[in-house]
Structures are given as C-alpha cells and as structure tokens.
Protein backbone atom coordinates (compact mmCIF):
# COMPACT_ATOMS: atom_id res chain seq x y z
CA UNK A 1 33.43 -79.07 -70.91
CA UNK A 2 29.66 -78.67 -71.19
CA UNK A 3 27.01 -78.51 -68.52
CA UNK A 4 23.71 -80.42 -68.88
CA UNK A 5 21.98 -77.36 -70.36
CA UNK A 6 24.66 -77.17 -73.07
CA UNK A 7 26.40 -74.05 -71.75
CA UNK A 8 30.15 -74.03 -71.88
CA UNK A 9 31.69 -73.86 -68.42
CA UNK A 10 34.74 -72.16 -69.87
CA UNK A 11 32.61 -69.52 -71.58
CA UNK A 12 30.76 -68.84 -68.35
CA UNK A 13 33.98 -68.29 -66.45
CA UNK A 14 35.68 -66.06 -68.99
CA UNK A 15 35.28 -62.31 -68.71
CA UNK A 16 35.33 -60.45 -71.99
CA UNK A 17 37.51 -57.35 -71.94
CA UNK A 18 38.95 -56.36 -75.29
CA UNK A 19 41.78 -54.24 -73.86
CA UNK A 20 42.51 -55.34 -70.31
CA UNK A 21 43.92 -58.83 -70.83
CA UNK A 22 46.60 -57.54 -73.19
CA UNK A 23 47.64 -54.65 -70.94
CA UNK A 24 51.00 -54.31 -69.30
CA UNK A 25 51.49 -52.13 -66.26
CA UNK A 26 53.66 -49.07 -66.92
CA UNK A 27 57.29 -49.99 -66.46
CA UNK A 28 59.16 -48.13 -63.76
CA UNK A 29 62.80 -48.09 -62.88
CA UNK A 30 63.35 -49.37 -59.38
CA UNK A 31 66.17 -49.51 -56.92
CA UNK A 32 65.91 -52.98 -55.43
CA UNK A 33 68.16 -54.21 -52.67
CA UNK A 34 68.69 -57.90 -52.35
CA UNK A 35 70.67 -60.40 -50.37
CA UNK A 36 70.90 -64.10 -49.80
CA UNK A 37 70.07 -65.81 -46.54
CA UNK A 38 70.36 -69.39 -45.38
CA UNK A 39 67.43 -70.64 -43.30
CA UNK A 40 67.41 -73.88 -41.40
CA UNK A 41 64.22 -75.88 -42.05
CA UNK A 42 63.03 -75.79 -38.44
CA UNK A 43 63.40 -72.01 -38.43
CA UNK A 44 61.46 -71.69 -41.68
CA UNK A 45 58.58 -73.71 -40.26
CA UNK A 46 58.51 -71.57 -37.09
CA UNK A 47 58.42 -68.41 -39.19
CA UNK A 48 55.62 -69.81 -41.34
CA UNK A 49 53.52 -70.63 -38.28
CA UNK A 50 54.02 -67.10 -36.91
CA UNK A 51 53.42 -65.68 -40.41
CA UNK A 52 56.72 -63.85 -40.24
CA UNK A 53 57.05 -65.52 -43.62
CA UNK A 54 53.67 -65.27 -45.28
CA UNK A 55 52.43 -67.45 -48.10
CA UNK A 56 49.98 -65.17 -49.98
CA UNK A 57 46.32 -65.89 -49.53
CA UNK A 58 45.20 -66.10 -53.17
CA UNK A 59 43.22 -69.25 -53.85
CA UNK A 60 45.89 -71.51 -55.26
CA UNK A 61 45.58 -75.15 -54.25
CA UNK A 62 48.46 -77.21 -52.98
CA UNK A 63 49.30 -79.07 -56.17
CA UNK A 64 52.14 -81.41 -55.26
CA UNK A 65 51.15 -85.04 -55.03
CA UNK A 66 52.12 -87.18 -52.07
CA UNK A 67 55.12 -88.78 -53.78
CA UNK A 68 56.57 -85.47 -55.01
CA UNK A 69 56.24 -84.00 -51.52
CA UNK A 70 57.85 -87.10 -50.04
CA UNK A 71 60.80 -86.94 -52.44
CA UNK A 72 61.41 -83.30 -51.45
CA UNK A 73 61.56 -84.24 -47.75
CA UNK A 74 63.72 -87.26 -48.60
CA UNK A 75 66.22 -85.03 -50.43
CA UNK A 76 66.68 -82.96 -47.27
CA UNK A 77 67.02 -86.07 -45.10
CA UNK A 78 69.69 -87.39 -47.47
CA UNK A 79 71.62 -84.13 -47.45
CA UNK A 80 70.93 -83.37 -51.12
CA UNK A 81 70.65 -79.77 -52.37
CA UNK A 82 67.16 -78.40 -53.09
CA UNK A 83 66.06 -75.29 -55.01
CA UNK A 84 66.00 -72.01 -53.12
CA UNK A 85 63.05 -69.76 -52.45
CA UNK A 86 62.33 -66.12 -53.35
CA UNK A 87 61.00 -63.69 -50.70
CA UNK A 88 59.99 -60.03 -50.63
CA UNK A 89 60.62 -58.15 -47.37
CA UNK A 90 58.14 -55.44 -46.38
CA UNK A 91 60.07 -52.64 -44.75
CA UNK A 92 57.46 -51.44 -42.26
CA UNK A 93 56.42 -54.79 -40.79
CA UNK A 94 59.63 -56.69 -41.70
CA UNK A 95 57.41 -59.57 -42.77
CA UNK A 96 58.52 -61.56 -45.79
CA UNK A 97 56.16 -62.62 -48.56
CA UNK A 98 56.76 -65.71 -50.66
CA UNK A 99 57.17 -64.95 -54.35
CA UNK A 100 58.43 -68.36 -55.39
CA UNK A 101 58.66 -71.57 -53.39
CA UNK A 102 55.26 -71.90 -51.76
CA UNK A 103 54.88 -75.59 -52.65
CA UNK A 104 58.20 -76.39 -50.97
CA UNK A 105 57.35 -74.33 -47.90
CA UNK A 106 53.86 -75.80 -47.57
CA UNK A 107 55.34 -79.28 -47.86
CA UNK A 108 57.70 -78.57 -44.95
CA UNK A 109 54.89 -77.12 -42.85
CA UNK A 110 52.62 -80.08 -43.59
CA UNK A 111 55.32 -82.61 -42.72
CA UNK A 112 56.03 -80.94 -39.39
CA UNK A 113 52.27 -80.65 -38.71
CA UNK A 114 51.86 -84.34 -39.47
CA UNK A 115 49.26 -84.14 -42.27
CA UNK A 116 48.80 -82.62 -45.70
CA UNK A 117 46.37 -79.72 -45.53
CA UNK A 118 42.95 -80.78 -44.25
CA UNK A 119 43.65 -84.47 -44.74
CA UNK A 120 42.85 -86.68 -41.78
CA UNK A 121 45.60 -89.18 -42.61
CA UNK A 122 49.14 -88.78 -41.33
CA UNK A 123 51.80 -87.37 -43.65
CA UNK A 124 54.02 -90.43 -43.95
CA UNK A 125 56.67 -90.45 -46.68
CA UNK A 126 55.46 -92.46 -49.65
CA UNK A 127 56.78 -93.84 -52.93
CA UNK A 128 60.44 -93.85 -51.89
CA UNK A 129 63.15 -96.47 -52.30
CA UNK A 130 64.99 -95.60 -49.14
CA UNK A 131 64.81 -96.30 -45.43
CA UNK A 132 62.58 -93.24 -44.99
CA UNK A 133 59.58 -94.89 -46.66
CA UNK A 134 56.48 -94.69 -44.45
CA UNK A 135 57.98 -92.36 -41.82
CA UNK A 136 56.20 -89.35 -40.37
CA UNK A 137 58.16 -86.54 -38.74
CA UNK A 138 57.49 -88.07 -35.32
CA UNK A 139 58.78 -91.45 -36.58
CA UNK A 140 62.22 -90.07 -37.46
CA UNK A 141 65.14 -91.03 -35.31
CA UNK A 142 66.67 -88.24 -33.26
CA UNK A 143 69.62 -88.13 -35.67
CA UNK A 144 67.39 -87.89 -38.77
CA UNK A 145 65.14 -85.29 -37.14
CA UNK A 146 68.14 -83.12 -36.32
CA UNK A 147 69.46 -83.52 -39.87
CA UNK A 148 66.10 -82.34 -41.27
CA UNK A 149 65.75 -79.52 -38.74
CA UNK A 150 69.23 -78.27 -39.54
CA UNK A 151 68.97 -78.62 -43.32
CA UNK A 152 69.59 -75.34 -45.10
CA UNK A 153 67.38 -73.75 -47.73
CA UNK A 154 68.77 -70.74 -49.55
CA UNK A 155 66.52 -67.69 -49.81
CA UNK A 156 66.87 -64.68 -52.08
CA UNK A 157 65.34 -61.73 -50.24
CA UNK A 158 64.56 -58.47 -52.00
CA UNK A 159 63.23 -55.08 -50.96
CA UNK A 160 62.27 -51.95 -52.89
CA UNK A 161 64.36 -48.91 -51.97
CA UNK A 162 63.07 -46.48 -54.60
CA UNK A 163 60.87 -44.89 -55.72
CA UNK A 164 59.76 -43.83 -52.25
CA UNK A 165 59.63 -47.35 -50.82
CA UNK A 166 55.97 -47.47 -51.93
CA UNK A 167 55.99 -51.20 -52.57
CA UNK A 168 54.75 -50.81 -56.14
CA UNK A 169 57.49 -53.12 -57.37
CA UNK A 170 55.81 -56.03 -55.62
CA UNK A 171 53.18 -56.33 -58.35
CA UNK A 172 55.81 -56.39 -61.11
CA UNK A 173 57.96 -58.84 -59.17
CA UNK A 174 55.07 -61.25 -58.63
CA UNK A 175 53.96 -60.89 -62.25
CA UNK A 176 57.43 -61.48 -63.72
CA UNK A 177 59.10 -63.86 -61.29
CA UNK A 178 56.39 -66.20 -60.08
CA UNK A 179 57.22 -69.48 -61.80
CA UNK A 180 54.00 -71.37 -61.24
CA UNK A 181 52.93 -73.50 -64.20
CA UNK A 182 49.68 -71.51 -64.19
CA UNK A 183 50.55 -67.79 -64.17
CA UNK A 184 48.76 -65.74 -61.55
CA UNK A 185 45.97 -63.42 -62.66
CA UNK A 186 46.25 -59.71 -61.77
CA UNK A 187 43.65 -60.04 -58.99
CA UNK A 188 45.39 -63.07 -57.50
CA UNK A 189 48.55 -60.98 -57.32
CA UNK A 190 46.70 -58.03 -55.75
CA UNK A 191 45.13 -60.31 -53.15
CA UNK A 192 48.57 -61.64 -52.35
CA UNK A 193 50.37 -58.33 -51.92
CA UNK A 194 47.59 -55.93 -50.87
CA UNK A 195 45.74 -58.22 -48.49
CA UNK A 196 43.86 -56.28 -45.84
CA UNK A 197 40.46 -54.85 -44.98
CA UNK A 198 39.57 -53.92 -48.56
CA UNK A 199 40.48 -57.35 -49.89
CA UNK A 200 38.42 -59.01 -47.15
CA UNK A 201 35.48 -56.73 -47.96
CA UNK A 202 35.66 -57.60 -51.66
CA UNK A 203 35.73 -61.30 -50.82
CA UNK A 204 32.63 -60.77 -48.67
CA UNK A 205 30.80 -58.78 -51.37
CA UNK A 206 31.59 -61.52 -53.85
CA UNK A 207 29.30 -63.85 -51.87
CA UNK A 208 26.26 -61.57 -52.16
CA UNK A 209 23.40 -63.50 -53.78
CA UNK A 210 22.33 -60.95 -56.38
CA UNK A 211 25.93 -60.46 -57.49
CA UNK A 212 26.35 -64.21 -57.91
CA UNK A 213 23.20 -64.23 -60.04
CA UNK A 214 24.57 -61.43 -62.24
CA UNK A 215 28.10 -62.80 -62.63
CA UNK A 216 27.30 -66.50 -62.60
CA UNK A 217 29.60 -69.35 -61.62
CA UNK A 218 32.28 -68.32 -59.14
CA UNK A 219 35.54 -67.56 -60.92
CA UNK A 220 38.42 -69.80 -59.89
CA UNK A 221 40.84 -67.01 -60.84
CA UNK A 222 39.21 -64.09 -58.97
CA UNK A 223 37.81 -62.37 -62.07
CA UNK A 224 34.52 -61.77 -60.22
CA UNK A 225 36.38 -60.12 -57.31
CA UNK A 226 38.32 -58.03 -59.81
CA UNK A 227 35.08 -56.68 -61.31
CA UNK A 228 33.95 -55.61 -57.84
CA UNK A 229 37.29 -53.85 -57.31
CA UNK A 230 36.94 -52.20 -60.72
CA UNK A 231 33.47 -50.93 -59.89
CA UNK A 232 34.59 -49.50 -56.55
CA UNK A 233 37.68 -47.85 -58.03
CA UNK A 234 35.75 -46.22 -60.88
CA UNK A 235 32.84 -45.19 -58.64
CA UNK A 236 35.01 -43.49 -56.04
CA UNK A 237 37.95 -42.33 -58.16
CA UNK A 238 36.73 -42.46 -61.76
CA UNK A 239 37.57 -38.79 -62.30
CA UNK A 240 41.22 -39.64 -61.63
CA UNK A 241 41.31 -42.60 -63.99
CA UNK A 242 44.29 -43.03 -66.27
CA UNK A 243 45.40 -46.08 -68.18
CA UNK A 244 46.41 -48.80 -67.89
CA UNK A 245 43.41 -50.20 -66.03
CA UNK A 246 45.64 -52.73 -64.25
CA UNK A 247 47.78 -49.94 -62.83
CA UNK A 248 44.71 -47.92 -61.79
CA UNK A 249 43.31 -50.92 -59.91
CA UNK A 250 46.69 -51.66 -58.31
CA UNK A 251 46.92 -48.08 -57.02
CA UNK A 252 43.36 -48.07 -55.68
CA UNK A 253 43.84 -51.35 -53.83
CA UNK A 254 47.24 -50.35 -52.46
CA UNK A 255 46.06 -46.91 -51.27
CA UNK A 256 42.91 -48.33 -49.68
CA UNK A 257 44.40 -51.54 -48.35
CA UNK A 258 42.95 -50.89 -44.88
CA UNK A 259 39.98 -48.94 -46.34
CA UNK A 260 41.36 -45.49 -45.44
CA UNK A 261 38.57 -42.96 -46.03
CA UNK A 262 36.18 -45.67 -47.24
CA UNK A 263 33.53 -46.72 -44.74
CA UNK A 264 32.96 -50.47 -44.86
CA UNK A 265 29.22 -50.38 -44.18
CA UNK A 266 28.67 -47.55 -46.67
CA UNK A 267 30.55 -49.44 -49.39
CA UNK A 268 28.71 -52.67 -48.63
CA UNK A 269 25.29 -51.01 -48.65
CA UNK A 270 26.04 -49.14 -51.88
CA UNK A 271 27.25 -52.30 -53.63
CA UNK A 272 24.31 -54.42 -52.51
CA UNK A 273 21.71 -51.79 -53.48
CA UNK A 274 23.36 -51.39 -56.87
CA UNK A 275 23.47 -55.05 -57.85
CA UNK A 276 20.02 -55.77 -56.39
CA UNK A 277 18.54 -52.88 -58.38
CA UNK A 278 20.28 -54.10 -61.52
CA UNK A 279 19.01 -57.64 -61.08
CA UNK A 280 15.46 -56.57 -60.27
CA UNK A 281 15.16 -54.08 -63.13
CA UNK A 282 17.52 -55.36 -65.83
CA UNK A 283 17.55 -59.09 -65.16
CA UNK A 284 20.30 -61.63 -64.58
CA UNK A 285 21.97 -60.89 -67.92
CA UNK A 286 22.58 -57.20 -67.22
CA UNK A 287 26.36 -57.55 -67.54
CA UNK A 288 26.21 -60.33 -70.14
CA UNK A 289 24.94 -58.73 -73.35
CA UNK A 290 26.51 -61.54 -75.42
CA UNK A 291 26.46 -64.57 -73.08
CA UNK A 292 29.81 -63.68 -71.50
CA UNK A 293 30.36 -61.13 -68.77
CA UNK A 294 31.56 -57.97 -70.50
CA UNK A 295 33.79 -56.07 -68.05
CA UNK A 296 33.38 -52.72 -69.82
CA UNK A 297 29.57 -53.03 -69.87
CA UNK A 298 29.66 -54.10 -66.21
CA UNK A 299 31.71 -51.15 -64.97
CA UNK A 300 29.59 -48.63 -66.93
CA UNK A 301 26.20 -49.97 -65.84
CA UNK A 302 27.22 -50.52 -62.22
CA UNK A 303 28.70 -47.04 -61.79
CA UNK A 304 25.68 -45.45 -63.55
CA UNK A 305 23.12 -47.28 -61.40
CA UNK A 306 25.06 -46.52 -58.21
CA UNK A 307 25.16 -42.81 -59.12
CA UNK A 308 21.45 -42.76 -59.86
CA UNK A 309 20.68 -44.43 -56.53
CA UNK A 310 22.92 -41.98 -54.69
CA UNK A 311 21.08 -39.08 -56.35
CA UNK A 312 17.73 -40.80 -55.64
CA UNK A 313 16.86 -40.27 -59.28
CA UNK A 314 16.69 -43.56 -61.16
CA UNK A 315 14.87 -43.23 -64.49
CA UNK A 316 11.30 -44.53 -64.58
CA UNK A 317 12.02 -47.15 -67.27
CA UNK A 318 15.48 -48.60 -66.56
CA UNK A 319 14.94 -51.63 -68.81
CA UNK A 320 14.14 -49.37 -71.76
CA UNK A 321 17.14 -47.17 -70.91
CA UNK A 322 19.37 -50.25 -70.91
CA UNK A 323 18.03 -51.48 -74.24
CA UNK A 324 18.51 -48.05 -75.78
CA UNK A 325 22.07 -47.92 -74.44
CA UNK A 326 22.83 -51.28 -76.04
CA UNK A 327 21.84 -49.81 -79.40
CA UNK A 328 23.89 -46.64 -78.95
CA UNK A 329 26.86 -46.94 -81.33
CA UNK A 330 29.05 -44.62 -79.27
CA UNK A 331 28.46 -46.79 -76.21
CA UNK A 332 29.05 -50.01 -78.16
CA UNK A 333 32.31 -48.65 -79.53
CA UNK A 334 33.47 -47.76 -76.02
CA UNK A 335 32.80 -51.27 -74.67
CA UNK A 336 34.17 -53.15 -77.68
CA UNK A 337 37.68 -51.84 -78.34
CA UNK A 338 40.22 -49.74 -76.52
CA UNK A 339 38.23 -50.36 -73.36
CA UNK A 340 41.01 -49.18 -71.02
CA UNK A 341 41.67 -45.92 -72.85
CA UNK A 342 40.59 -42.96 -70.70
CA UNK A 343 38.40 -41.47 -73.44
CA UNK A 344 36.42 -44.71 -73.76
CA UNK A 345 36.14 -45.28 -70.01
CA UNK A 346 34.72 -41.80 -69.52
CA UNK A 347 32.50 -42.04 -72.60
CA UNK A 348 30.77 -45.28 -71.64
CA UNK A 349 30.31 -44.33 -67.99
CA UNK A 350 29.02 -40.90 -69.00
CA UNK A 351 26.53 -42.33 -71.51
CA UNK A 352 25.32 -44.93 -69.02
CA UNK A 353 24.98 -42.30 -66.29
CA UNK A 354 22.82 -40.15 -68.59
CA UNK A 355 20.70 -43.16 -69.54
CA UNK A 356 19.83 -44.14 -65.94
CA UNK A 357 19.60 -40.69 -64.40
CA UNK A 358 15.96 -40.04 -65.23
CA UNK A 359 16.71 -38.02 -68.33
CA UNK A 360 14.83 -40.38 -70.66
C-alpha cells in the first residue's frame, strides 16, 4: 500500500530492530495449577460486566462478522457444544484474565447488551436457517432465554504457584497459548497483563505531538508505545540491563505497574522535554536514520538527550554531534547487529551520552 507521496505505509509502521524481533524470553520452569470450571452463560456475562473476568485492553478489534456471531449464539440456543475458554486467575485480586476466547465472550456480552460494540442497530441474529433468525435477546421466548442463560461453557483456569507467585508466567502463557490468527506483539501482551498506572501513562505519552512527529503514523500494534517503555526502562534502570530486551521490558513494566517510585509528572515532563528537544534540534527524522524507525538508535539518542537535559549540559551543536555519531563505526555496529546484547546496549548509550553532553 502506498500513500500519495509514494511512501510505503508498511515501511512507516515497521520498527527496525535487528535483534529484538527474533528474541525469546528466557525459559523458566513453572509450577502451574489448573482446573476446569463450568460457567453458565448468564453468569459469564455478569462477571464480564463487573470485570471479574477481564478481557485485556490491548487494541484488538472485534473481528467476528454478524453471521459468525449469530451462529455461535444459535449453537447455544440449540444445545450444541461450543469451544471452551482459557483464563488466568490472579491470586491477589482473584480476577480472571482471558487468554483465549475473547471473541466468544464479547459476542455473548454484545447479545445480552442488545448491540454489537458501538453499533446503533440492534443485535438480531442474522444469516441463520432456523427459527432464531432475526431475534434479539429480548425477543427470545422465556424458554429459549432460560436455555441460553443456563448454557454451559467450559473454562480452563490456570494460576502460577512458583516461582514466588510473581505472575511472570502470564507473559509466556499469553505468548504461547493465544490462538488469534494474528499473534499478539510483546507490547500488546504487556498491556494486557500489566495494565495499570504505567500503562496508562505510556498511552498518554504516546499522544504527545512531538513524539508523533518523530515516530510517525500511529502503530496499530503498539510498537510506538513499546519504544516509550524501552526509553523509560533504559533511562531509569539501564545500569541493571541484561538481555533479552523483551524480558527486561517485561520486568520493568511488571515492577512499576502502578508506578511505584516513579513520579508521574516527573516522568511526563522528562519525556516531553526530551522529545521536544530532539525534534527542535535534530529534526523529525532523529530516530529514522534510514527511513524506518530504528529502535536501537531511538533508545540511545533519547536516553542521551534526557541525561544531558537532566545535567543541564546539552552540547552547543547537537545537530553536529548527531551527524558525527551517525558516522561513528562503533556506534553503527551497536545499532545494527546484536542490538539486545548488553555490551552493545551500553556501548551505544554511552557513545550517545558522550556526544550530547557538551564534550564536543
């Protein structure tokens, strides 16, 4: 797909990272408890409305068409078996998070609510060859309504017992067991399982005008939000970095889910000053040395500029410092291959920090 100016939309949305996309998070051995539970449909819908069962908040559209949703409801009304769902129970809150089955659960909720999502039209069953064609939930006879309400959906519910009940298995479970036709990206998974104050702050920062100018078109798969998370993690805890990058980001987001020692206004101010300074001094292509966003270039430049601003010692010619950095072979090597290896992460951030710290 090409925009009027000839730029590839796909190329604009991709983020170049030579190492990250191929990473796997370190495998751990877990003790997972699991059990099966039978939920009646009416009870599932009540739990969804109370968010006792939570469908994760990553931006994944409801993809079932009207006929497919109608056939699912029809199967329940006819007493036919339907696939089960997969839930993860959080020990502290006892809430359950949907790993697999969100389309089925959303369909039930929409039918009981009377409309699909934000649609203004009523959710009437459509495309069926049965007596249920055209019926909304309110149109059902008392007998049919009770049959639907009492229909059973089997749930597999799991919980991490060890190590330390830290919930780290949730990332691996989502990554391995989610059966969507479009696999979730790492940041979509993090947003789903580590939702909280930090996630909301990142979503807010992602709307900042100068950041949008630097990154470009909003990513439909949260790659722009992931770069913000990466910057924050390396800025605050870069000295503790160890590969893989995915695991480092998971740990940072989990440990700071409700911000912890991070002050929201301080983080917001630091981020906005950093990206505004970058845009004003380096231009809109500061993190796109070769048309695409380069994640390794982005994390190095952003951390370096933030450090210089914190020290109130930004070099007098930042544009020249940037151009010199882009000709430094050691820096280029560190942003081109093995980008998640600790030696390269520290090398590129260190070189960038020197370049922008007024030493030139």
